[in-house]
């Protein structure tokens, strides 16, 4: 094989490799898709971290309820039973007044 023919074949082979590489780097498994997948993974890791923190906070709250800590249990009981201690007053707003932001009190003293 002569030198000019080798150079020509080498240039054609390099051109074919360049076209092949360019077409596959732009395809569905190319660099753009890789960056999109990395971004999706990053978002999922952030979501996972937030959910893990939420689970940890809920586990602490559940443990506080199991330990019968008064600062956790009493507000929980009061919210579920509408319990008002002696000497306290409870005020309720109507839905219209809540939206309007006008203070209207309906005391329920016990």
PDB file of N, CA and C in Angstrom:
ATOM      1  N   UNK A   1       0.837  -1.167   0.000  1.00  0.00           N
ATOM      2  CA  UNK A   1       0.000   0.000   0.000  1.00  0.00           C
ATOM      3  C   UNK A   1       0.889   1.239   0.000  1.00  0.00           C
ATOM      4  N   UNK A   2       0.470   2.171  -0.772  1.00  0.00           N
ATOM      5  CA  UNK A   2       1.273   3.392  -0.884  1.00  0.00           C
ATOM      6  C   UNK A   2       0.939   4.353   0.260  1.00  0.00           C
ATOM      7  N   UNK A   3       1.814   5.283   0.519  1.00  0.00           N
ATOM      8  CA  UNK A   3       1.651   6.241   1.608  1.00  0.00           C
ATOM      9  C   UNK A   3       0.421   7.136   1.421  1.00  0.00           C
ATOM     10  N   UNK A   4       0.151   7.664   0.229  1.00  0.00           N
ATOM     11  CA  UNK A   4      -1.049   8.501   0.071  1.00  0.00           C
ATOM     12  C   UNK A   4      -2.340   7.699   0.304  1.00  0.00           C
ATOM     13  N   UNK A   5      -2.345   6.432  -0.091  1.00  0.00           N
ATOM     14  CA  UNK A   5      -3.531   5.599   0.111  1.00  0.00           C
ATOM     15  C   UNK A   5      -3.743   5.344   1.606  1.00  0.00           C
ATOM     16  N   UNK A   6      -2.680   5.091   2.356  1.00  0.00           N
ATOM     17  CA  UNK A   6      -2.775   4.891   3.803  1.00  0.00           C
ATOM     18  C   UNK A   6      -3.317   6.149   4.481  1.00  0.00           C
ATOM     19  N   UNK A   7      -2.794   7.297   4.096  1.00  0.00           N
ATOM     20  CA  UNK A   7      -3.251   8.551   4.691  1.00  0.00           C
ATOM     21  C   UNK A   7      -4.731   8.774   4.399  1.00  0.00           C
ATOM     22  N   UNK A   8      -5.149   8.473   3.175  1.00  0.00           N
ATOM     23  CA  UNK A   8      -6.549   8.643   2.782  1.00  0.00           C
ATOM     24  C   UNK A   8      -7.441   7.710   3.588  1.00  0.00           C
ATOM     25  N   UNK A   9      -7.045   6.429   3.713  1.00  0.00           N
ATOM     26  CA  UNK A   9      -7.829   5.474   4.496  1.00  0.00           C
ATOM     27  C   UNK A   9      -7.876   5.882   5.966  1.00  0.00           C
ATOM     28  N   UNK A  10      -6.762   6.362   6.500  1.00  0.00           N
ATOM     29  CA  UNK A  10      -6.720   6.819   7.891  1.00  0.00           C
ATOM     30  C   UNK A  10      -7.663   8.002   8.107  1.00  0.00           C
ATOM     31  N   UNK A  11      -7.647   8.947   7.191  1.00  0.00           N
ATOM     32  CA  UNK A  11      -8.536  10.117   7.298  1.00  0.00           C
ATOM     33  C   UNK A  11      -9.992   9.688   7.194  1.00  0.00           C
ATOM     34  N   UNK A  12     -10.314   8.773   6.277  1.00  0.00           N
ATOM     35  CA  UNK A  12     -11.693   8.281   6.149  1.00  0.00           C
ATOM     36  C   UNK A  12     -12.121   7.516   7.398  1.00  0.00           C
ATOM     37  N   UNK A  13     -11.225   6.713   7.964  1.00  0.00           N
ATOM     38  CA  UNK A  13     -11.541   5.975   9.189  1.00  0.00           C
ATOM     39  C   UNK A  13     -11.782   6.941  10.351  1.00  0.00           C
ATOM     40  N   UNK A  14     -10.956   7.950  10.482  1.00  0.00           N
ATOM     41  CA  UNK A  14     -11.123   8.951  11.543  1.00  0.00           C
ATOM     42  C   UNK A  14     -12.427   9.724  11.359  1.00  0.00           C
ATOM     43  N   UNK A  15     -12.760  10.033  10.116  1.00  0.00           N
ATOM     44  CA  UNK A  15     -14.018  10.737   9.838  1.00  0.00           C
ATOM     45  C   UNK A  15     -15.201   9.857  10.218  1.00  0.00           C
ATOM     46  N   UNK A  16     -15.129   8.563   9.901  1.00  0.00           N
ATOM     47  CA  UNK A  16     -16.204   7.632  10.248  1.00  0.00           C
ATOM     48  C   UNK A  16     -16.343   7.513  11.766  1.00  0.00           C
ATOM     49  N   UNK A  17     -15.214   7.433  12.473  1.00  0.00           N
ATOM     50  CA  UNK A  17     -15.251   7.361  13.938  1.00  0.00           C
ATOM     51  C   UNK A  17     -15.830   8.647  14.515  1.00  0.00           C
ATOM     52  N   UNK A  18     -15.484   9.774  13.985  1.00  0.00           N
ATOM     53  CA  UNK A  18     -15.994  11.057  14.465  1.00  0.00           C
ATOM     54  C   UNK A  18     -17.498  11.164  14.255  1.00  0.00           C
ATOM     55  N   UNK A  19     -17.982  10.747  13.099  1.00  0.00           N
ATOM     56  CA  UNK A  19     -19.427  10.776  12.824  1.00  0.00           C
ATOM     57  C   UNK A  19     -20.162   9.821  13.756  1.00  0.00           C
ATOM     58  N   UNK A  20     -19.596   8.627  13.956  1.00  0.00           N
ATOM     59  CA  UNK A  20     -20.213   7.630  14.851  1.00  0.00           C
ATOM     60  C   UNK A  20     -20.272   8.174  16.274  1.00  0.00           C
ATOM     61  N   UNK A  21     -19.166   8.743  16.745  1.00  0.00           N
ATOM     62  CA  UNK A  21     -19.118   9.278  18.107  1.00  0.00           C
ATOM     63  C   UNK A  21     -20.091  10.440  18.278  1.00  0.00           C
ATOM     64  N   UNK A  22     -20.118  11.330  17.322  1.00  0.00           N
ATOM     65  CA  UNK A  22     -21.013  12.481  17.410  1.00  0.00           C
ATOM     66  C   UNK A  22     -22.478  12.049  17.419  1.00  0.00           C
ATOM     67  N   UNK A  23     -22.819  11.063  16.596  1.00  0.00           N
ATOM     68  CA  UNK A  23     -24.211  10.620  16.543  1.00  0.00           C
ATOM     69  C   UNK A  23     -24.623   9.935  17.846  1.00  0.00           C
ATOM     70  N   UNK A  24     -23.721   9.192  18.457  1.00  0.00           N
ATOM     71  CA  UNK A  24     -24.078   8.501  19.702  1.00  0.00           C
ATOM     72  C   UNK A  24     -24.010   9.413  20.922  1.00  0.00           C
ATOM     73  N   UNK A  25     -23.197  10.434  20.880  1.00  0.00           N
ATOM     74  CA  UNK A  25     -23.156  11.369  22.000  1.00  0.00           C
ATOM     75  C   UNK A  25     -24.383  12.268  22.032  1.00  0.00           C
ATOM     76  N   UNK A  26     -25.048  12.430  20.905  1.00  0.00           N
ATOM     77  CA  UNK A  26     -26.243  13.266  20.848  1.00  0.00           C
ATOM     78  C   UNK A  26     -27.521  12.454  20.993  1.00  0.00           C
ATOM     79  N   UNK A  27     -27.440  11.147  20.970  1.00  0.00           N
ATOM     80  CA  UNK A  27     -28.619  10.285  20.997  1.00  0.00           C
ATOM     81  C   UNK A  27     -29.241  10.166  22.380  1.00  0.00           C
ATOM     82  N   UNK A  28     -30.150   9.199  22.538  1.00  0.00           N
ATOM     83  CA  UNK A  28     -30.862   9.042  23.811  1.00  0.00           C
ATOM     84  C   UNK A  28     -29.953   8.588  24.956  1.00  0.00           C
ATOM     85  N   UNK A  29     -28.800   8.077  24.644  1.00  0.00           N
ATOM     86  CA  UNK A  29     -27.850   7.683  25.682  1.00  0.00           C
ATOM     87  C   UNK A  29     -26.616   8.580  25.669  1.00  0.00           C
ATOM     88  N   UNK A  30     -26.758   9.755  25.124  1.00  0.00           N
ATOM     89  CA  UNK A  30     -25.620  10.666  24.970  1.00  0.00           C
ATOM     90  C   UNK A  30     -25.389  11.553  26.170  1.00  0.00           C
ATOM     91  N   UNK A  31     -24.602  12.587  25.952  1.00  0.00           N
ATOM     92  CA  UNK A  31     -24.229  13.486  27.037  1.00  0.00           C
ATOM     93  C   UNK A  31     -25.420  14.261  27.602  1.00  0.00           C
ATOM     94  N   UNK A  32     -26.316  14.704  26.731  1.00  0.00           N
ATOM     95  CA  UNK A  32     -27.481  15.460  27.208  1.00  0.00           C
ATOM     96  C   UNK A  32     -28.333  14.587  28.119  1.00  0.00           C
ATOM     97  N   UNK A  33     -28.529  13.339  27.718  1.00  0.00           N
ATOM     98  CA  UNK A  33     -29.302  12.418  28.543  1.00  0.00           C
ATOM     99  C   UNK A  33     -28.576  12.125  29.853  1.00  0.00           C
ATOM    100  N   UNK A  34     -27.259  12.026  29.791  1.00  0.00           N
ATOM    101  CA  UNK A  34     -26.480  11.789  30.994  1.00  0.00           C
ATOM    102  C   UNK A  34     -26.643  12.936  31.982  1.00  0.00           C
ATOM    103  N   UNK A  35     -26.546  14.165  31.500  1.00  0.00           N
ATOM    104  CA  UNK A  35     -26.714  15.318  32.381  1.00  0.00           C
ATOM    105  C   UNK A  35     -28.130  15.392  32.949  1.00  0.00           C
ATOM    106  N   UNK A  36     -29.122  15.059  32.146  1.00  0.00           N
ATOM    107  CA  UNK A  36     -30.508  15.063  32.627  1.00  0.00           C
ATOM    108  C   UNK A  36     -30.696  14.007  33.712  1.00  0.00           C
ATOM    109  N   UNK A  37     -30.098  12.843  33.515  1.00  0.00           N
ATOM    110  CA  UNK A  37     -30.216  11.783  34.521  1.00  0.00           C
ATOM    111  C   UNK A  37     -29.488  12.162  35.807  1.00  0.00           C
ATOM    112  N   UNK A  38     -28.343  12.822  35.687  1.00  0.00           N
ATOM    113  CA  UNK A  38     -27.633  13.273  36.873  1.00  0.00           C
ATOM    114  C   UNK A  38     -28.451  14.306  37.646  1.00  0.00           C
ATOM    115  N   UNK A  39     -29.132  15.190  36.943  1.00  0.00           N
ATOM    116  CA  UNK A  39     -29.993  16.179  37.589  1.00  0.00           C
ATOM    117  C   UNK A  39     -31.162  15.501  38.292  1.00  0.00           C
ATOM    118  N   UNK A  40     -31.750  14.499  37.628  1.00  0.00           N
ATOM    119  CA  UNK A  40     -32.862  13.762  38.240  1.00  0.00           C
ATOM    120  C   UNK A  40     -32.386  13.029  39.492  1.00  0.00           C
ATOM    121  N   UNK A  41     -31.210  12.453  39.438  1.00  0.00           N
ATOM    122  CA  UNK A  41     -30.664  11.754  40.599  1.00  0.00           C
ATOM    123  C   UNK A  41     -30.436  12.736  41.740  1.00  0.00           C
ATOM    124  N   UNK A  42     -29.926  13.909  41.427  1.00  0.00           N
ATOM    125  CA  UNK A  42     -29.699  14.923  42.449  1.00  0.00           C
ATOM    126  C   UNK A  42     -31.006  15.349  43.113  1.00  0.00           C
ATOM    127  N   UNK A  43     -32.050  15.545  42.326  1.00  0.00           N
ATOM    128  CA  UNK A  43     -33.351  15.913  42.878  1.00  0.00           C
ATOM    129  C   UNK A  43     -33.914  14.795  43.748  1.00  0.00           C
ATOM    130  N   UNK A  44     -33.755  13.549  43.307  1.00  0.00           N
ATOM    131  CA  UNK A  44     -34.242  12.422  44.097  1.00  0.00           C
ATOM    132  C   UNK A  44     -33.473  12.285  45.411  1.00  0.00           C
ATOM    133  N   UNK A  45     -32.176  12.563  45.388  1.00  0.00           N
ATOM    134  CA  UNK A  45     -31.395  12.518  46.621  1.00  0.00           C
ATOM    135  C   UNK A  45     -31.850  13.605  47.588  1.00  0.00           C
ATOM    136  N   UNK A  46     -32.166  14.794  47.076  1.00  0.00           N
ATOM    137  CA  UNK A  46     -32.685  15.874  47.927  1.00  0.00           C
ATOM    138  C   UNK A  46     -34.026  15.482  48.543  1.00  0.00           C
ATOM    139  N   UNK A  47     -34.890  14.907  47.726  1.00  0.00           N
ATOM    140  CA  UNK A  47     -36.192  14.460  48.217  1.00  0.00           C
ATOM    141  C   UNK A  47     -36.023  13.381  49.276  1.00  0.00           C
ATOM    142  N   UNK A  48     -35.109  12.458  49.042  1.00  0.00           N
ATOM    143  CA  UNK A  48     -34.851  11.388  50.002  1.00  0.00           C
ATOM    144  C   UNK A  48     -34.351  11.955  51.319  1.00  0.00           C
ATOM    145  N   UNK A  49     -33.465  12.948  51.262  1.00  0.00           N
ATOM    146  CA  UNK A  49     -32.949  13.563  52.485  1.00  0.00           C
ATOM    147  C   UNK A  49     -34.071  14.262  53.259  1.00  0.00           C
ATOM    148  N   UNK A  50     -34.956  14.964  52.544  1.00  0.00           N
ATOM    149  CA  UNK A  50     -36.077  15.632  53.209  1.00  0.00           C
ATOM    150  C   UNK A  50     -37.009  14.615  53.854  1.00  0.00           C
ATOM    151  N   UNK A  51     -37.293  13.529  53.146  1.00  0.00           N
ATOM    152  CA  UNK A  51     -38.170  12.505  53.701  1.00  0.00           C
ATOM    153  C   UNK A  51     -37.534  11.813  54.900  1.00  0.00           C
ATOM    154  N   UNK A  52     -36.236  11.579  54.843  1.00  0.00           N
ATOM    155  CA  UNK A  52     -35.541  10.959  55.983  1.00  0.00           C
ATOM    156  C   UNK A  52     -35.606  11.874  57.201  1.00  0.00           C
ATOM    157  N   UNK A  53     -35.458  13.178  56.984  1.00  0.00           N
ATOM    158  CA  UNK A  53     -35.555  14.126  58.096  1.00  0.00           C
ATOM    159  C   UNK A  53     -36.967  14.127  58.677  1.00  0.00           C
ATOM    160  N   UNK A  54     -37.969  14.088  57.802  1.00  0.00           N
ATOM    161  CA  UNK A  54     -39.358  14.053  58.254  1.00  0.00           C
ATOM    162  C   UNK A  54     -39.639  12.790  59.062  1.00  0.00           C
ATOM    163  N   UNK A  55     -39.136  11.666  58.593  1.00  0.00           N
ATOM    164  CA  UNK A  55     -39.337  10.404  59.315  1.00  0.00           C
ATOM    165  C   UNK A  55     -38.667  10.470  60.681  1.00  0.00           C
ATOM    166  N   UNK A  56     -37.477  11.035  60.732  1.00  0.00           N
ATOM    167  CA  UNK A  56     -36.755  11.154  62.004  1.00  0.00           C
ATOM    168  C   UNK A  56     -37.533  12.036  62.988  1.00  0.00           C
ATOM    169  N   UNK A  57     -38.079  13.155  62.501  1.00  0.00           N
ATOM    170  CA  UNK A  57     -38.867  14.036  63.367  1.00  0.00           C
ATOM    171  C   UNK A  57     -40.129  13.325  63.866  1.00  0.00           C
ATOM    172  N   UNK A  58     -40.774  12.565  62.989  1.00  0.00           N
ATOM    173  CA  UNK A  58     -41.977  11.839  63.395  1.00  0.00           C
ATOM    174  C   UNK A  58     -41.635  10.745  64.412  1.00  0.00           C
ATOM    175  N   UNK A  59     -40.490  10.088  64.234  1.00  0.00           N
ATOM    176  CA  UNK A  59     -40.086   9.070  65.198  1.00  0.00           C
ATOM    177  C   UNK A  59     -39.820   9.699  66.565  1.00  0.00           C
ATOM    178  N   UNK A  60     -39.206  10.896  66.584  1.00  0.00           N
ATOM    179  CA  UNK A  60     -38.976  11.590  67.855  1.00  0.00           C
ATOM    180  C   UNK A  60     -40.297  11.945  68.517  1.00  0.00           C
ATOM    181  N   UNK A  61     -41.263  12.406  67.714  1.00  0.00           N
ATOM    182  CA  UNK A  61     -42.571  12.774  68.264  1.00  0.00           C
ATOM    183  C   UNK A  61     -43.289  11.552  68.808  1.00  0.00           C
ATOM    184  N   UNK A  62     -43.230  10.444  68.084  1.00  0.00           N
ATOM    185  CA  UNK A  62     -43.864   9.210  68.539  1.00  0.00           C
ATOM    186  C   UNK A  62     -43.216   8.736  69.832  1.00  0.00           C
ATOM    187  N   UNK A  63     -41.899   8.815  69.898  1.00  0.00           N
ATOM    188  CA  UNK A  63     -41.207   8.403  71.123  1.00  0.00           C
ATOM    189  C   UNK A  63     -41.577   9.314  72.281  1.00  0.00           C
ATOM    190  N   UNK A  64     -41.747  10.613  72.032  1.00  0.00           N
ATOM    191  CA  UNK A  64     -42.166  11.538  73.084  1.00  0.00           C
ATOM    192  C   UNK A  64     -43.569  11.194  73.568  1.00  0.00           C
ATOM    193  N   UNK A  65     -44.442  10.795  72.661  1.00  0.00           N
ATOM    194  CA  UNK A  65     -45.800  10.390  73.054  1.00  0.00           C
ATOM    195  C   UNK A  65     -45.734   9.103  73.867  1.00  0.00           C
ATOM    196  N   UNK A  66     -44.897   8.150  73.432  1.00  0.00           N
ATOM    197  CA  UNK A  66     -44.761   6.892  74.186  1.00  0.00           C
ATOM    198  C   UNK A  66     -44.173   7.135  75.570  1.00  0.00           C
ATOM    199  N   UNK A  67     -43.271   8.115  75.672  1.00  0.00           N
ATOM    200  CA  UNK A  67     -42.678   8.448  76.969  1.00  0.00           C
ATOM    201  C   UNK A  67     -43.606   9.313  77.814  1.00  0.00           C
ATOM    202  N   UNK A  68     -44.756   9.663  77.261  1.00  0.00           N
ATOM    203  CA  UNK A  68     -45.792  10.448  77.928  1.00  0.00           C
ATOM    204  C   UNK A  68     -45.257  11.794  78.414  1.00  0.00           C
ATOM    205  N   UNK A  69     -44.511  12.464  77.531  1.00  0.00           N
ATOM    206  CA  UNK A  69     -44.019  13.797  77.870  1.00  0.00           C
ATOM    207  C   UNK A  69     -45.190  14.769  77.816  1.00  0.00           C
ATOM    208  N   UNK A  70     -45.376  15.499  78.893  1.00  0.00           N
ATOM    209  CA  UNK A  70     -46.566  16.346  79.010  1.00  0.00           C
ATOM    210  C   UNK A  70     -46.598  17.453  77.971  1.00  0.00           C
ATOM    211  N   UNK A  71     -45.431  17.986  77.561  1.00  0.00           N
ATOM    212  CA  UNK A  71     -45.437  19.071  76.575  1.00  0.00           C
ATOM    213  C   UNK A  71     -45.889  18.595  75.198  1.00  0.00           C
ATOM    214  N   UNK A  72     -45.927  17.278  74.990  1.00  0.00           N
ATOM    215  CA  UNK A  72     -46.393  16.731  73.718  1.00  0.00           C
ATOM    216  C   UNK A  72     -47.797  16.160  73.857  1.00  0.00           C
ATOM    217  N   UNK A  73     -48.035  15.454  74.939  1.00  0.00           N
ATOM    218  CA  UNK A  73     -49.300  14.732  75.104  1.00  0.00           C
ATOM    219  C   UNK A  73     -50.465  15.673  75.385  1.00  0.00           C
ATOM    220  N   UNK A  74     -50.271  16.646  76.259  1.00  0.00           N
ATOM    221  CA  UNK A  74     -51.386  17.531  76.636  1.00  0.00           C
ATOM    222  C   UNK A  74     -51.915  18.328  75.445  1.00  0.00           C
ATOM    223  N   UNK A  75     -51.070  18.973  74.622  1.00  0.00           N
ATOM    224  CA  UNK A  75     -51.627  19.661  73.449  1.00  0.00           C
ATOM    225  C   UNK A  75     -52.323  18.707  72.474  1.00  0.00           C
ATOM    226  N   UNK A  76     -51.819  17.490  72.378  1.00  0.00           N
ATOM    227  CA  UNK A  76     -52.455  16.506  71.505  1.00  0.00           C
ATOM    228  C   UNK A  76     -53.848  16.153  72.014  1.00  0.00           C
ATOM    229  N   UNK A  77     -53.963  15.913  73.313  1.00  0.00           N
ATOM    230  CA  UNK A  77     -55.269  15.590  73.901  1.00  0.00           C
ATOM    231  C   UNK A  77     -56.219  16.773  73.780  1.00  0.00           C
ATOM    232  N   UNK A  78     -55.689  17.977  74.040  1.00  0.00           N
ATOM    233  CA  UNK A  78     -56.542  19.162  73.979  1.00  0.00           C
ATOM    234  C   UNK A  78     -57.060  19.407  72.563  1.00  0.00           C
ATOM    235  N   UNK A  79     -56.233  19.160  71.558  1.00  0.00           N
ATOM    236  CA  UNK A  79     -56.680  19.394  70.186  1.00  0.00           C
ATOM    237  C   UNK A  79     -57.708  18.369  69.743  1.00  0.00           C
ATOM    238  N   UNK A  80     -57.575  17.151  70.236  1.00  0.00           N
ATOM    239  CA  UNK A  80     -58.515  16.099  69.813  1.00  0.00           C
ATOM    240  C   UNK A  80     -59.831  16.128  70.582  1.00  0.00           C
ATOM    241  N   UNK A  81     -59.805  16.586  71.812  1.00  0.00           N
ATOM    242  CA  UNK A  81     -61.022  16.536  72.631  1.00  0.00           C
ATOM    243  C   UNK A  81     -61.645  17.901  72.871  1.00  0.00           C
ATOM    244  N   UNK A  82     -61.020  18.958  72.369  1.00  0.00           N
ATOM    245  CA  UNK A  82     -61.481  20.333  72.620  1.00  0.00           C
ATOM    246  C   UNK A  82     -61.570  20.620  74.114  1.00  0.00           C
ATOM    247  N   UNK A  83     -60.626  20.112  74.852  1.00  0.00           N
ATOM    248  CA  UNK A  83     -60.571  20.264  76.294  1.00  0.00           C
ATOM    249  C   UNK A  83     -60.069  21.647  76.665  1.00  0.00           C
ATOM    250  N   UNK A  84     -60.810  22.302  77.561  1.00  0.00           N
ATOM    251  CA  UNK A  84     -60.424  23.620  78.048  1.00  0.00           C
ATOM    252  C   UNK A  84     -60.290  23.512  79.556  1.00  0.00           C
ATOM    253  N   UNK A  85     -59.150  23.937  80.072  1.00  0.00           N
ATOM    254  CA  UNK A  85     -58.928  23.883  81.516  1.00  0.00           C
ATOM    255  C   UNK A  85     -59.797  24.898  82.233  1.00  0.00           C
ATOM    256  N   UNK A  86     -59.989  24.656  83.519  1.00  0.00           N
ATOM    257  CA  UNK A  86     -60.786  25.557  84.327  1.00  0.00           C
ATOM    258  C   UNK A  86     -60.083  26.909  84.411  1.00  0.00           C
ATOM    259  N   UNK A  87     -60.828  27.962  84.130  1.00  0.00           N
ATOM    260  CA  UNK A  87     -60.273  29.309  84.160  1.00  0.00           C
ATOM    261  C   UNK A  87     -59.751  29.776  82.809  1.00  0.00           C
ATOM    262  N   UNK A  88     -59.765  28.908  81.816  1.00  0.00           N
ATOM    263  CA  UNK A  88     -59.309  29.289  80.479  1.00  0.00           C
ATOM    264  C   UNK A  88     -60.512  29.618  79.608  1.00  0.00           C
ATOM    265  N   UNK A  89     -60.261  30.358  78.560  1.00  0.00           N
ATOM    266  CA  UNK A  89     -61.302  30.698  77.599  1.00  0.00           C
ATOM    267  C   UNK A  89     -60.865  30.215  76.227  1.00  0.00           C
ATOM    268  N   UNK A  90     -61.812  29.723  75.464  1.00  0.00           N
ATOM    269  CA  UNK A  90     -61.522  29.275  74.111  1.00  0.00           C
ATOM    270  C   UNK A  90     -62.334  30.129  73.147  1.00  0.00           C
ATOM    271  N   UNK A  91     -61.672  30.635  72.130  1.00  0.00           N
ATOM    272  CA  UNK A  91     -62.324  31.492  71.160  1.00  0.00           C
ATOM    273  C   UNK A  91     -62.364  30.785  69.816  1.00  0.00           C
ATOM    274  N   UNK A  92     -63.513  30.863  69.154  1.00  0.00           N
ATOM    275  CA  UNK A  92     -63.687  30.273  67.830  1.00  0.00           C
ATOM    276  C   UNK A  92     -64.096  31.362  66.856  1.00  0.00           C
ATOM    277  N   UNK A  93     -63.522  31.324  65.667  1.00  0.00           N
ATOM    278  CA  UNK A  93     -63.894  32.265  64.620  1.00  0.00           C
ATOM    279  C   UNK A  93     -64.739  31.548  63.585  1.00  0.00           C
ATOM    280  N   UNK A  94     -65.714  32.287  63.049  1.00  0.00           N
ATOM    281  CA  UNK A  94     -66.487  31.733  61.949  1.00  0.00           C
ATOM    282  C   UNK A  94     -65.617  31.705  60.701  1.00  0.00           C
ATOM    283  N   UNK A  95     -65.979  30.908  59.727  1.00  0.00           N
ATOM    284  CA  UNK A  95     -65.181  30.797  58.493  1.00  0.00           C
ATOM    285  C   UNK A  95     -65.108  32.136  57.763  1.00  0.00           C
ATOM    286  N   UNK A  96     -66.204  32.900  57.746  1.00  0.00           N
ATOM    287  CA  UNK A  96     -66.202  34.207  57.087  1.00  0.00           C
ATOM    288  C   UNK A  96     -65.227  35.154  57.792  1.00  0.00           C
ATOM    289  N   UNK A  97     -65.235  35.114  59.106  1.00  0.00           N
ATOM    290  CA  UNK A  97     -64.374  36.008  59.871  1.00  0.00           C
ATOM    291  C   UNK A  97     -62.908  35.601  59.758  1.00  0.00           C
ATOM    292  N   UNK A  98     -62.639  34.301  59.630  1.00  0.00           N
ATOM    293  CA  UNK A  98     -61.262  33.840  59.458  1.00  0.00           C
ATOM    294  C   UNK A  98     -60.696  34.366  58.146  1.00  0.00           C
ATOM    295  N   UNK A  99     -61.527  34.306  57.099  1.00  0.00           N
ATOM    296  CA  UNK A  99     -61.067  34.763  55.785  1.00  0.00           C
ATOM    297  C   UNK A  99     -60.901  36.277  55.755  1.00  0.00           C
ATOM    298  N   UNK A 100     -61.814  36.980  56.403  1.00  0.00           N
ATOM    299  CA  UNK A 100     -61.765  38.436  56.393  1.00  0.00           C
ATOM    300  C   UNK A 100     -60.699  38.960  57.339  1.00  0.00           C
ATOM    301  N   UNK A 101     -60.344  38.178  58.339  1.00  0.00           N
ATOM    302  CA  UNK A 101     -59.332  38.598  59.289  1.00  0.00           C
ATOM    303  C   UNK A 101     -59.863  39.514  60.369  1.00  0.00           C
ATOM    304  N   UNK A 102     -61.191  39.577  60.513  1.00  0.00           N
ATOM    305  CA  UNK A 102     -61.766  40.422  61.553  1.00  0.00           C
ATOM    306  C   UNK A 102     -61.895  39.599  62.825  1.00  0.00           C
ATOM    307  N   UNK A 103     -61.517  40.160  63.939  1.00  0.00           N
ATOM    308  CA  UNK A 103     -61.614  39.417  65.187  1.00  0.00           C
ATOM    309  C   UNK A 103     -63.046  39.407  65.688  1.00  0.00           C
ATOM    310  N   UNK A 104     -63.576  38.205  65.850  1.00  0.00           N
ATOM    311  CA  UNK A 104     -64.894  38.034  66.440  1.00  0.00           C
ATOM    312  C   UNK A 104     -64.759  36.878  67.419  1.00  0.00           C
ATOM    313  N   UNK A 105     -65.108  37.120  68.660  1.00  0.00           N
ATOM    314  CA  UNK A 105     -64.889  36.112  69.689  1.00  0.00           C
ATOM    315  C   UNK A 105     -66.201  35.513  70.124  1.00  0.00           C
ATOM    316  N   UNK A 106     -66.183  34.207  70.277  1.00  0.00           N
ATOM    317  CA  UNK A 106     -67.307  33.506  70.852  1.00  0.00           C
ATOM    318  C   UNK A 106     -66.740  32.696  72.011  1.00  0.00           C
ATOM    319  N   UNK A 107     -66.682  33.288  73.201  1.00  0.00           N
ATOM    320  CA  UNK A 107     -66.027  32.602  74.318  1.00  0.00           C
ATOM    321  C   UNK A 107     -66.829  31.398  74.776  1.00  0.00           C
ATOM    322  N   UNK A 108     -66.081  30.369  75.076  1.00  0.00           N
ATOM    323  CA  UNK A 108     -66.678  29.156  75.616  1.00  0.00           C
ATOM    324  C   UNK A 108     -65.952  28.883  76.933  1.00  0.00           C
ATOM    325  N   UNK A 109     -66.428  29.486  78.005  1.00  0.00           N
ATOM    326  CA  UNK A 109     -65.753  29.343  79.284  1.00  0.00           C
ATOM    327  C   UNK A 109     -66.330  28.155  80.025  1.00  0.00           C
ATOM    328  N   UNK A 110     -65.427  27.496  80.724  1.00  0.00           N
ATOM    329  CA  UNK A 110     -65.885  26.356  81.542  1.00  0.00           C
ATOM    330  C   UNK A 110     -65.314  26.490  82.917  1.00  0.00           C
TER     331      UNK A 110
END
